[in-house]
Amino acid sequence: AEMCSHDCDCPNNQKCCSNGCGHQCMPPYREKPGVCPSKNLG
């Protein structure tokens, strides 16, 4: 279902995002703290 069409349709800091079949309001992505292991893992 199309539950939103633009970010302004969403409350607070939520964004209007695709959920794979429709669009809905979701909190934006935030990077988690920490450092990935070295890329020399093989």
PDB file of all heavy atoms in Angstrom:
ATOM      1  N   ALA A   1       0.851  -1.186   0.000  1.00  0.00           N
ATOM      2  CA  ALA A   1       0.000   0.000   0.000  1.00  0.00           C
ATOM      3  C   ALA A   1       0.884   1.233   0.000  1.00  0.00           C
ATOM      4  O   ALA A   1       1.995   1.209   0.514  1.00  0.00           O
ATOM      5  CB  ALA A   1      -0.899  -0.001   1.233  1.00  0.00           C
ATOM      6  N   GLU A   2       0.395   2.280  -0.595  1.00  0.00           N
ATOM      7  CA  GLU A   2       1.112   3.558  -0.608  1.00  0.00           C
ATOM      8  C   GLU A   2       0.609   4.365   0.587  1.00  0.00           C
ATOM      9  O   GLU A   2      -0.413   5.027   0.516  1.00  0.00           O
ATOM     10  CB  GLU A   2       0.862   4.296  -1.930  1.00  0.00           C
ATOM     11  CG  GLU A   2       1.406   3.579  -3.151  1.00  0.00           C
ATOM     12  CD  GLU A   2       2.914   3.427  -3.140  1.00  0.00           C
ATOM     13  OE1 GLU A   2       3.615   4.304  -2.602  1.00  0.00           O
ATOM     14  OE2 GLU A   2       3.396   2.406  -3.659  1.00  0.00           O
ATOM     15  N   MET A   3       1.349   4.265   1.725  1.00  0.00           N
ATOM     16  CA  MET A   3       0.930   4.957   2.947  1.00  0.00           C
ATOM     17  C   MET A   3       1.523   6.356   3.041  1.00  0.00           C
ATOM     18  O   MET A   3       1.218   7.101   3.960  1.00  0.00           O
ATOM     19  CB  MET A   3       1.281   4.109   4.164  1.00  0.00           C
ATOM     20  CG  MET A   3       0.503   2.794   4.154  1.00  0.00           C
ATOM     21  SD  MET A   3       0.669   1.859   5.653  1.00  0.00           S
ATOM     22  CE  MET A   3       2.141   0.944   5.306  1.00  0.00           C
ATOM     23  N   CYS A   4       2.418   6.696   2.098  1.00  0.00           N
ATOM     24  CA  CYS A   4       2.967   8.043   2.005  1.00  0.00           C
ATOM     25  C   CYS A   4       3.493   8.224   0.585  1.00  0.00           C
ATOM     26  O   CYS A   4       3.710   7.248  -0.140  1.00  0.00           O
ATOM     27  CB  CYS A   4       4.093   8.261   3.027  1.00  0.00           C
ATOM     28  SG  CYS A   4       5.512   7.160   2.817  1.00  0.00           S
ATOM     29  N   SER A   5       3.690   9.490   0.198  1.00  0.00           N
ATOM     30  CA  SER A   5       4.264   9.733  -1.129  1.00  0.00           C
ATOM     31  C   SER A   5       5.470  10.665  -1.054  1.00  0.00           C
ATOM     32  O   SER A   5       6.269  10.695  -1.981  1.00  0.00           O
ATOM     33  CB  SER A   5       3.208  10.300  -2.088  1.00  0.00           C
ATOM     34  OG  SER A   5       2.636  11.469  -1.544  1.00  0.00           O
ATOM     35  N   HIS A   6       5.609  11.417   0.027  1.00  0.00           N
ATOM     36  CA  HIS A   6       6.741  12.324   0.229  1.00  0.00           C
ATOM     37  C   HIS A   6       7.122  12.308   1.708  1.00  0.00           C
ATOM     38  O   HIS A   6       6.303  11.974   2.560  1.00  0.00           O
ATOM     39  CB  HIS A   6       6.386  13.768  -0.168  1.00  0.00           C
ATOM     40  CG  HIS A   6       5.960  13.908  -1.583  1.00  0.00           C
ATOM     41  ND1 HIS A   6       6.829  13.820  -2.640  1.00  0.00           N
ATOM     42  CD2 HIS A   6       4.730  14.120  -2.125  1.00  0.00           C
ATOM     43  CE1 HIS A   6       6.175  13.976  -3.761  1.00  0.00           C
ATOM     44  NE2 HIS A   6       4.886  14.160  -3.492  1.00  0.00           N
ATOM     45  N   ASP A   7       8.364  12.705   2.010  1.00  0.00           N
ATOM     46  CA  ASP A   7       8.825  12.775   3.396  1.00  0.00           C
ATOM     47  C   ASP A   7       7.921  13.650   4.250  1.00  0.00           C
ATOM     48  O   ASP A   7       7.716  13.379   5.432  1.00  0.00           O
ATOM     49  CB  ASP A   7      10.264  13.311   3.470  1.00  0.00           C
ATOM     50  CG  ASP A   7      11.295  12.298   2.983  1.00  0.00           C
ATOM     51  OD1 ASP A   7      10.932  11.138   2.698  1.00  0.00           O
ATOM     52  OD2 ASP A   7      12.474  12.680   2.889  1.00  0.00           O
ATOM     53  N   CYS A   8       7.354  14.701   3.655  1.00  0.00           N
ATOM     54  CA  CYS A   8       6.510  15.618   4.435  1.00  0.00           C
ATOM     55  C   CYS A   8       5.220  14.949   4.913  1.00  0.00           C
ATOM     56  O   CYS A   8       4.542  15.470   5.793  1.00  0.00           O
ATOM     57  CB  CYS A   8       6.218  16.889   3.650  1.00  0.00           C
ATOM     58  SG  CYS A   8       5.348  16.605   2.101  1.00  0.00           S
ATOM     59  N   ASP A   9       4.896  13.763   4.364  1.00  0.00           N
ATOM     60  CA  ASP A   9       3.725  13.013   4.827  1.00  0.00           C
ATOM     61  C   ASP A   9       4.012  12.258   6.126  1.00  0.00           C
ATOM     62  O   ASP A   9       3.099  11.703   6.729  1.00  0.00           O
ATOM     63  CB  ASP A   9       3.297  11.978   3.767  1.00  0.00           C
ATOM     64  CG  ASP A   9       2.867  12.610   2.457  1.00  0.00           C
ATOM     65  OD1 ASP A   9       2.420  13.777   2.480  1.00  0.00           O
ATOM     66  OD2 ASP A   9       2.993  11.937   1.419  1.00  0.00           O
ATOM     67  N   CYS A  10       5.285  12.231   6.537  1.00  0.00           N
ATOM     68  CA  CYS A  10       5.709  11.414   7.677  1.00  0.00           C
ATOM     69  C   CYS A  10       5.969  12.277   8.909  1.00  0.00           C
ATOM     70  O   CYS A  10       6.448  13.407   8.799  1.00  0.00           O
ATOM     71  CB  CYS A  10       6.977  10.646   7.319  1.00  0.00           C
ATOM     72  SG  CYS A  10       6.746   9.538   5.907  1.00  0.00           S
ATOM     73  N   PRO A  11       5.709  11.721  10.107  1.00  0.00           N
ATOM     74  CA  PRO A  11       5.920  12.483  11.342  1.00  0.00           C
ATOM     75  C   PRO A  11       7.406  12.591  11.703  1.00  0.00           C
ATOM     76  O   PRO A  11       8.234  11.776  11.300  1.00  0.00           O
ATOM     77  CB  PRO A  11       5.179  11.654  12.397  1.00  0.00           C
ATOM     78  CG  PRO A  11       5.231  10.254  11.876  1.00  0.00           C
ATOM     79  CD  PRO A  11       5.165  10.380  10.371  1.00  0.00           C
ATOM     80  N   ASN A  12       7.721  13.600  12.488  1.00  0.00           N
ATOM     81  CA  ASN A  12       9.063  13.820  13.049  1.00  0.00           C
ATOM     82  C   ASN A  12      10.149  13.705  11.983  1.00  0.00           C
ATOM     83  O   ASN A  12      10.054  14.345  10.950  1.00  0.00           O
ATOM     84  CB  ASN A  12       9.308  12.875  14.220  1.00  0.00           C
ATOM     85  CG  ASN A  12       8.245  12.996  15.284  1.00  0.00           C
ATOM     86  OD1 ASN A  12       7.800  14.098  15.588  1.00  0.00           O
ATOM     87  ND2 ASN A  12       7.796  11.882  15.836  1.00  0.00           N
ATOM     88  N   ASN A  13      11.166  12.862  12.223  1.00  0.00           N
ATOM     89  CA  ASN A  13      12.281  12.760  11.267  1.00  0.00           C
ATOM     90  C   ASN A  13      12.105  11.582  10.314  1.00  0.00           C
ATOM     91  O   ASN A  13      13.011  11.265   9.547  1.00  0.00           O
ATOM     92  CB  ASN A  13      13.611  12.631  12.017  1.00  0.00           C
ATOM     93  CG  ASN A  13      13.740  11.309  12.757  1.00  0.00           C
ATOM     94  OD1 ASN A  13      12.744  10.672  13.078  1.00  0.00           O
ATOM     95  ND2 ASN A  13      14.961  10.902  13.024  1.00  0.00           N
ATOM     96  N   GLN A  14      10.953  10.909  10.345  1.00  0.00           N
ATOM     97  CA  GLN A  14      10.749   9.753   9.478  1.00  0.00           C
ATOM     98  C   GLN A  14      10.703  10.158   8.014  1.00  0.00           C
ATOM     99  O   GLN A  14      10.348  11.281   7.670  1.00  0.00           O
ATOM    100  CB  GLN A  14       9.473   9.007   9.862  1.00  0.00           C
ATOM    101  CG  GLN A  14       9.582   8.323  11.208  1.00  0.00           C
ATOM    102  CD  GLN A  14       8.395   7.414  11.486  1.00  0.00           C
ATOM    103  OE1 GLN A  14       7.507   7.239  10.663  1.00  0.00           O
ATOM    104  NE2 GLN A  14       8.389   6.831  12.676  1.00  0.00           N
ATOM    105  N   LYS A  15      11.085   9.192   7.156  1.00  0.00           N
ATOM    106  CA  LYS A  15      11.118   9.405   5.717  1.00  0.00           C
ATOM    107  C   LYS A  15      10.115   8.476   5.041  1.00  0.00           C
ATOM    108  O   LYS A  15       9.790   7.420   5.568  1.00  0.00           O
ATOM    109  CB  LYS A  15      12.516   9.116   5.171  1.00  0.00           C
ATOM    110  CG  LYS A  15      13.572  10.076   5.708  1.00  0.00           C
ATOM    111  CD  LYS A  15      14.938   9.809   5.136  1.00  0.00           C
ATOM    112  CE  LYS A  15      15.089  10.054   3.673  1.00  0.00           C
ATOM    113  NZ  LYS A  15      14.912  11.413   3.189  1.00  0.00           N
ATOM    114  N   CYS A  16       9.659   8.847   3.856  1.00  0.00           N
ATOM    115  CA  CYS A  16       8.771   8.015   3.063  1.00  0.00           C
ATOM    116  C   CYS A  16       9.653   7.074   2.243  1.00  0.00           C
ATOM    117  O   CYS A  16      10.351   7.499   1.328  1.00  0.00           O
ATOM    118  CB  CYS A  16       7.901   8.884   2.154  1.00  0.00           C
ATOM    119  SG  CYS A  16       6.690   7.922   1.216  1.00  0.00           S
ATOM    120  N   CYS A  17       9.652   5.773   2.585  1.00  0.00           N
ATOM    121  CA  CYS A  17      10.581   4.811   1.997  1.00  0.00           C
ATOM    122  C   CYS A  17       9.850   3.617   1.397  1.00  0.00           C
ATOM    123  O   CYS A  17       8.777   3.235   1.849  1.00  0.00           O
ATOM    124  CB  CYS A  17      11.536   4.294   3.071  1.00  0.00           C
ATOM    125  SG  CYS A  17      12.459   5.592   3.913  1.00  0.00           S
ATOM    126  N   SER A  18      10.483   3.006   0.420  1.00  0.00           N
ATOM    127  CA  SER A  18       9.965   1.784  -0.179  1.00  0.00           C
ATOM    128  C   SER A  18      10.121   0.638   0.813  1.00  0.00           C
ATOM    129  O   SER A  18      11.151   0.511   1.463  1.00  0.00           O
ATOM    130  CB  SER A  18      10.719   1.456  -1.467  1.00  0.00           C
ATOM    131  OG  SER A  18      10.360   0.171  -1.927  1.00  0.00           O
ATOM    132  N   ASN A  19       9.094  -0.194   0.917  1.00  0.00           N
ATOM    133  CA  ASN A  19       9.175  -1.371   1.778  1.00  0.00           C
ATOM    134  C   ASN A  19       9.238  -2.648   0.946  1.00  0.00           C
ATOM    135  O   ASN A  19       9.067  -3.740   1.458  1.00  0.00           O
ATOM    136  CB  ASN A  19       8.013  -1.410   2.768  1.00  0.00           C
ATOM    137  CG  ASN A  19       6.666  -1.514   2.074  1.00  0.00           C
ATOM    138  OD1 ASN A  19       6.574  -1.820   0.885  1.00  0.00           O
ATOM    139  ND2 ASN A  19       5.607  -1.246   2.809  1.00  0.00           N
ATOM    140  N   GLY A  20       9.461  -2.510  -0.343  1.00  0.00           N
ATOM    141  CA  GLY A  20       9.544  -3.657  -1.239  1.00  0.00           C
ATOM    142  C   GLY A  20       8.286  -3.871  -2.048  1.00  0.00           C
ATOM    143  O   GLY A  20       8.311  -4.551  -3.066  1.00  0.00           O
ATOM    144  N   CYS A  21       7.184  -3.298  -1.606  1.00  0.00           N
ATOM    145  CA  CYS A  21       5.927  -3.457  -2.330  1.00  0.00           C
ATOM    146  C   CYS A  21       5.137  -2.157  -2.381  1.00  0.00           C
ATOM    147  O   CYS A  21       4.389  -1.929  -3.304  1.00  0.00           O
ATOM    148  CB  CYS A  21       5.099  -4.558  -1.670  1.00  0.00           C
ATOM    149  SG  CYS A  21       3.612  -4.992  -2.592  1.00  0.00           S
ATOM    150  N   GLY A  22       5.318  -1.305  -1.395  1.00  0.00           N
ATOM    151  CA  GLY A  22       4.650  -0.014  -1.339  1.00  0.00           C
ATOM    152  C   GLY A  22       5.579   0.993  -0.703  1.00  0.00           C
ATOM    153  O   GLY A  22       6.805   0.803  -0.701  1.00  0.00           O
ATOM    154  N   HIS A  23       5.023   2.057  -0.141  1.00  0.00           N
ATOM    155  CA  HIS A  23       5.829   3.067   0.562  1.00  0.00           C
ATOM    156  C   HIS A  23       5.213   3.310   1.928  1.00  0.00           C
ATOM    157  O   HIS A  23       3.982   3.334   2.069  1.00  0.00           O
ATOM    158  CB  HIS A  23       5.872   4.377  -0.234  1.00  0.00           C
ATOM    159  CG  HIS A  23       6.777   4.308  -1.409  1.00  0.00           C
ATOM    160  ND1 HIS A  23       6.385   3.779  -2.612  1.00  0.00           N
ATOM    161  CD2 HIS A  23       8.066   4.692  -1.554  1.00  0.00           C
ATOM    162  CE1 HIS A  23       7.395   3.835  -3.458  1.00  0.00           C
ATOM    163  NE2 HIS A  23       8.430   4.388  -2.851  1.00  0.00           N
ATOM    164  N   GLN A  24       6.084   3.473   2.924  1.00  0.00           N
ATOM    165  CA  GLN A  24       5.605   3.763   4.267  1.00  0.00           C
ATOM    166  C   GLN A  24       6.623   4.632   4.998  1.00  0.00           C
ATOM    167  O   GLN A  24       7.784   4.713   4.589  1.00  0.00           O
ATOM    168  CB  GLN A  24       5.342   2.470   5.051  1.00  0.00           C
ATOM    169  CG  GLN A  24       6.602   1.703   5.410  1.00  0.00           C
ATOM    170  CD  GLN A  24       6.290   0.375   6.083  1.00  0.00           C
ATOM    171  OE1 GLN A  24       5.776  -0.534   5.430  1.00  0.00           O
ATOM    172  NE2 GLN A  24       6.582   0.275   7.372  1.00  0.00           N
ATOM    173  N   CYS A  25       6.200   5.280   6.071  1.00  0.00           N
ATOM    174  CA  CYS A  25       7.081   6.123   6.870  1.00  0.00           C
ATOM    175  C   CYS A  25       7.994   5.247   7.721  1.00  0.00           C
ATOM    176  O   CYS A  25       7.521   4.295   8.351  1.00  0.00           O
ATOM    177  CB  CYS A  25       6.264   7.050   7.766  1.00  0.00           C
ATOM    178  SG  CYS A  25       5.272   8.245   6.834  1.00  0.00           S
ATOM    179  N   MET A  26       9.293   5.552   7.691  1.00  0.00           N
ATOM    180  CA  MET A  26      10.277   4.784   8.455  1.00  0.00           C
ATOM    181  C   MET A  26      11.322   5.728   9.016  1.00  0.00           C
ATOM    182  O   MET A  26      11.625   6.747   8.413  1.00  0.00           O
ATOM    183  CB  MET A  26      11.014   3.788   7.544  1.00  0.00           C
ATOM    184  CG  MET A  26      10.177   2.761   6.889  1.00  0.00           C
ATOM    185  SD  MET A  26      11.242   1.713   5.861  1.00  0.00           S
ATOM    186  CE  MET A  26      10.018   0.804   4.961  1.00  0.00           C
ATOM    187  N   PRO A  27      11.916   5.361  10.184  1.00  0.00           N
ATOM    188  CA  PRO A  27      13.033   6.170  10.683  1.00  0.00           C
ATOM    189  C   PRO A  27      14.218   6.038   9.728  1.00  0.00           C
ATOM    190  O   PRO A  27      14.431   4.967   9.151  1.00  0.00           O
ATOM    191  CB  PRO A  27      13.360   5.577  12.046  1.00  0.00           C
ATOM    192  CG  PRO A  27      12.481   4.396  12.234  1.00  0.00           C
ATOM    193  CD  PRO A  27      11.571   4.267  11.061  1.00  0.00           C
ATOM    194  N   PRO A  28      14.991   7.103   9.533  1.00  0.00           N
ATOM    195  CA  PRO A  28      16.129   7.016   8.618  1.00  0.00           C
ATOM    196  C   PRO A  28      17.225   6.104   9.153  1.00  0.00           C
ATOM    197  O   PRO A  28      17.338   5.882  10.351  1.00  0.00           O
ATOM    198  CB  PRO A  28      16.619   8.459   8.503  1.00  0.00           C
ATOM    199  CG  PRO A  28      16.144   9.127   9.733  1.00  0.00           C
ATOM    200  CD  PRO A  28      14.880   8.433  10.136  1.00  0.00           C
ATOM    201  N   TYR A  29      18.010   5.587   8.237  1.00  0.00           N
ATOM    202  CA  TYR A  29      19.146   4.727   8.550  1.00  0.00           C
ATOM    203  C   TYR A  29      20.212   5.521   9.279  1.00  0.00           C
ATOM    204  O   TYR A  29      20.477   6.658   8.959  1.00  0.00           O
ATOM    205  CB  TYR A  29      19.699   4.165   7.240  1.00  0.00           C
ATOM    206  CG  TYR A  29      21.120   3.688   7.319  1.00  0.00           C
ATOM    207  CD1 TYR A  29      21.432   2.484   7.933  1.00  0.00           C
ATOM    208  CD2 TYR A  29      22.156   4.441   6.793  1.00  0.00           C
ATOM    209  CE1 TYR A  29      22.733   2.047   8.010  1.00  0.00           C
ATOM    210  CE2 TYR A  29      23.457   4.006   6.861  1.00  0.00           C
ATOM    211  CZ  TYR A  29      23.742   2.807   7.470  1.00  0.00           C
ATOM    212  OH  TYR A  29      25.038   2.383   7.548  1.00  0.00           O
ATOM    213  N   ARG A  30      20.828   4.903  10.284  1.00  0.00           N
ATOM    214  CA  ARG A  30      21.963   5.509  10.992  1.00  0.00           C
ATOM    215  C   ARG A  30      23.075   4.474  11.063  1.00  0.00           C
ATOM    216  O   ARG A  30      22.830   3.312  11.382  1.00  0.00           O
ATOM    217  CB  ARG A  30      21.560   5.917  12.403  1.00  0.00           C
ATOM    218  CG  ARG A  30      20.694   7.163  12.411  1.00  0.00           C
ATOM    219  CD  ARG A  30      20.506   7.687  13.838  1.00  0.00           C
ATOM    220  NE  ARG A  30      19.795   8.936  13.825  1.00  0.00           N
ATOM    221  CZ  ARG A  30      18.486   9.058  13.695  1.00  0.00           C
ATOM    222  NH1 ARG A  30      17.733   8.003  13.543  1.00  0.00           N
ATOM    223  NH2 ARG A  30      17.918  10.246  13.708  1.00  0.00           N
ATOM    224  N   GLU A  31      24.295   4.908  10.798  1.00  0.00           N
ATOM    225  CA  GLU A  31      25.434   4.004  10.875  1.00  0.00           C
ATOM    226  C   GLU A  31      25.686   3.634  12.324  1.00  0.00           C
ATOM    227  O   GLU A  31      25.646   4.477  13.214  1.00  0.00           O
ATOM    228  CB  GLU A  31      26.670   4.668  10.288  1.00  0.00           C
ATOM    229  CG  GLU A  31      27.856   3.740  10.249  1.00  0.00           C
ATOM    230  CD  GLU A  31      29.062   4.361   9.578  1.00  0.00           C
ATOM    231  OE1 GLU A  31      28.928   5.396   8.916  1.00  0.00           O
ATOM    232  OE2 GLU A  31      30.144   3.795   9.740  1.00  0.00           O
ATOM    233  N   LYS A  32      25.956   2.357  12.578  1.00  0.00           N
ATOM    234  CA  LYS A  32      26.262   1.894  13.926  1.00  0.00           C
ATOM    235  C   LYS A  32      27.709   2.235  14.255  1.00  0.00           C
ATOM    236  O   LYS A  32      28.559   2.297  13.365  1.00  0.00           O
ATOM    237  CB  LYS A  32      26.053   0.385  14.017  1.00  0.00           C
ATOM    238  CG  LYS A  32      24.596  -0.032  13.882  1.00  0.00           C
ATOM    239  CD  LYS A  32      24.468  -1.538  13.978  1.00  0.00           C
ATOM    240  CE  LYS A  32      23.044  -1.987  13.791  1.00  0.00           C
ATOM    241  NZ  LYS A  32      22.936  -3.464  13.814  1.00  0.00           N
ATOM    242  N   PRO A  33      28.009   2.460  15.534  1.00  0.00           N
ATOM    243  CA  PRO A  33      29.396   2.762  15.903  1.00  0.00           C
ATOM    244  C   PRO A  33      30.286   1.541  15.729  1.00  0.00           C
ATOM    245  O   PRO A  33      29.810   0.414  15.665  1.00  0.00           O
ATOM    246  CB  PRO A  33      29.292   3.162  17.376  1.00  0.00           C
ATOM    247  CG  PRO A  33      28.056   2.493  17.863  1.00  0.00           C
ATOM    248  CD  PRO A  33      27.122   2.435  16.687  1.00  0.00           C
ATOM    249  N   GLY A  34      31.573   1.780  15.684  1.00  0.00           N
ATOM    250  CA  GLY A  34      32.537   0.692  15.566  1.00  0.00           C
ATOM    251  C   GLY A  34      33.245   0.721  14.229  1.00  0.00           C
ATOM    252  O   GLY A  34      32.849   1.448  13.318  1.00  0.00           O
ATOM    253  N   VAL A  35      34.290  -0.062  14.129  1.00  0.00           N
ATOM    254  CA  VAL A  35      35.107  -0.118  12.925  1.00  0.00           C
ATOM    255  C   VAL A  35      35.073  -1.543  12.402  1.00  0.00           C
ATOM    256  O   VAL A  35      35.288  -2.497  13.158  1.00  0.00           O
ATOM    257  CB  VAL A  35      36.559   0.307  13.233  1.00  0.00           C
ATOM    258  CG1 VAL A  35      37.429   0.206  12.003  1.00  0.00           C
ATOM    259  CG2 VAL A  35      36.583   1.726  13.786  1.00  0.00           C
ATOM    260  N   CYS A  36      34.818  -1.699  11.106  1.00  0.00           N
ATOM    261  CA  CYS A  36      34.816  -3.024  10.500  1.00  0.00           C
ATOM    262  C   CYS A  36      36.204  -3.635  10.589  1.00  0.00           C
ATOM    263  O   CYS A  36      37.208  -2.920  10.557  1.00  0.00           O
ATOM    264  CB  CYS A  36      34.397  -2.935   9.026  1.00  0.00           C
ATOM    265  SG  CYS A  36      32.631  -2.671   8.804  1.00  0.00           S
ATOM    266  N   PRO A  37      36.270  -4.971  10.682  1.00  0.00           N
ATOM    267  CA  PRO A  37      37.574  -5.633  10.674  1.00  0.00           C
ATOM    268  C   PRO A  37      38.325  -5.302   9.388  1.00  0.00           C
ATOM    269  O   PRO A  37      37.725  -4.942   8.381  1.00  0.00           O
ATOM    270  CB  PRO A  37      37.224  -7.119  10.724  1.00  0.00           C
ATOM    271  CG  PRO A  37      35.831  -7.190  11.212  1.00  0.00           C
ATOM    272  CD  PRO A  37      35.179  -5.920  10.800  1.00  0.00           C
ATOM    273  N   SER A  38      39.632  -5.460   9.424  1.00  0.00           N
ATOM    274  CA  SER A  38      40.472  -5.185   8.261  1.00  0.00           C
ATOM    275  C   SER A  38      39.980  -5.983   7.067  1.00  0.00           C
ATOM    276  O   SER A  38      39.516  -7.103   7.189  1.00  0.00           O
ATOM    277  CB  SER A  38      41.916  -5.565   8.576  1.00  0.00           C
ATOM    278  OG  SER A  38      42.694  -5.515   7.418  1.00  0.00           O
ATOM    279  N   LYS A  39      40.106  -5.392   5.883  1.00  0.00           N
ATOM    280  CA  LYS A  39      39.684  -6.072   4.661  1.00  0.00           C
ATOM    281  C   LYS A  39      40.639  -7.198   4.292  1.00  0.00           C
ATOM    282  O   LYS A  39      40.396  -7.931   3.363  1.00  0.00           O
ATOM    283  CB  LYS A  39      39.574  -5.071   3.511  1.00  0.00           C
ATOM    284  CG  LYS A  39      38.445  -4.096   3.711  1.00  0.00           C
ATOM    285  CD  LYS A  39      38.316  -3.137   2.560  1.00  0.00           C
ATOM    286  CE  LYS A  39      37.191  -2.163   2.856  1.00  0.00           C
ATOM    287  NZ  LYS A  39      37.077  -1.131   1.870  1.00  0.00           N
ATOM    288  N   ASN A  40      41.738  -7.344   5.010  1.00  0.00           N
ATOM    289  CA  ASN A  40      42.697  -8.403   4.719  1.00  0.00           C
ATOM    290  C   ASN A  40      42.282  -9.708   5.388  1.00  0.00           C
ATOM    291  O   ASN A  40      43.086 -10.416   5.952  1.00  0.00           O
ATOM    292  CB  ASN A  40      44.098  -7.999   5.200  1.00  0.00           C
ATOM    293  CG  ASN A  40      44.571  -6.753   4.512  1.00  0.00           C
ATOM    294  OD1 ASN A  40      44.172  -6.469   3.397  1.00  0.00           O
ATOM    295  ND2 ASN A  40      45.426  -5.992   5.173  1.00  0.00           N
ATOM    296  N   LEU A  41      41.000 -10.019   5.349  1.00  0.00           N
ATOM    297  CA  LEU A  41      40.491 -11.226   5.985  1.00  0.00           C
ATOM    298  C   LEU A  41      40.562 -12.422   5.037  1.00  0.00           C
ATOM    299  O   LEU A  41      40.147 -13.501   5.391  1.00  0.00           O
ATOM    300  CB  LEU A  41      39.028 -11.015   6.406  1.00  0.00           C
ATOM    301  CG  LEU A  41      38.776  -9.932   7.434  1.00  0.00           C
ATOM    302  CD1 LEU A  41      37.286  -9.728   7.623  1.00  0.00           C
ATOM    303  CD2 LEU A  41      39.422 -10.296   8.752  1.00  0.00           C
ATOM    304  N   GLY A  42      41.067 -12.218   3.862  1.00  0.00           N
ATOM    305  CA  GLY A  42      41.014 -13.280   2.867  1.00  0.00           C
ATOM    306  C   GLY A  42      39.780 -13.071   2.021  1.00  0.00           C
ATOM    307  O   GLY A  42      39.134 -12.039   2.084  1.00  0.00           O
TER     308      GLY A  42
END
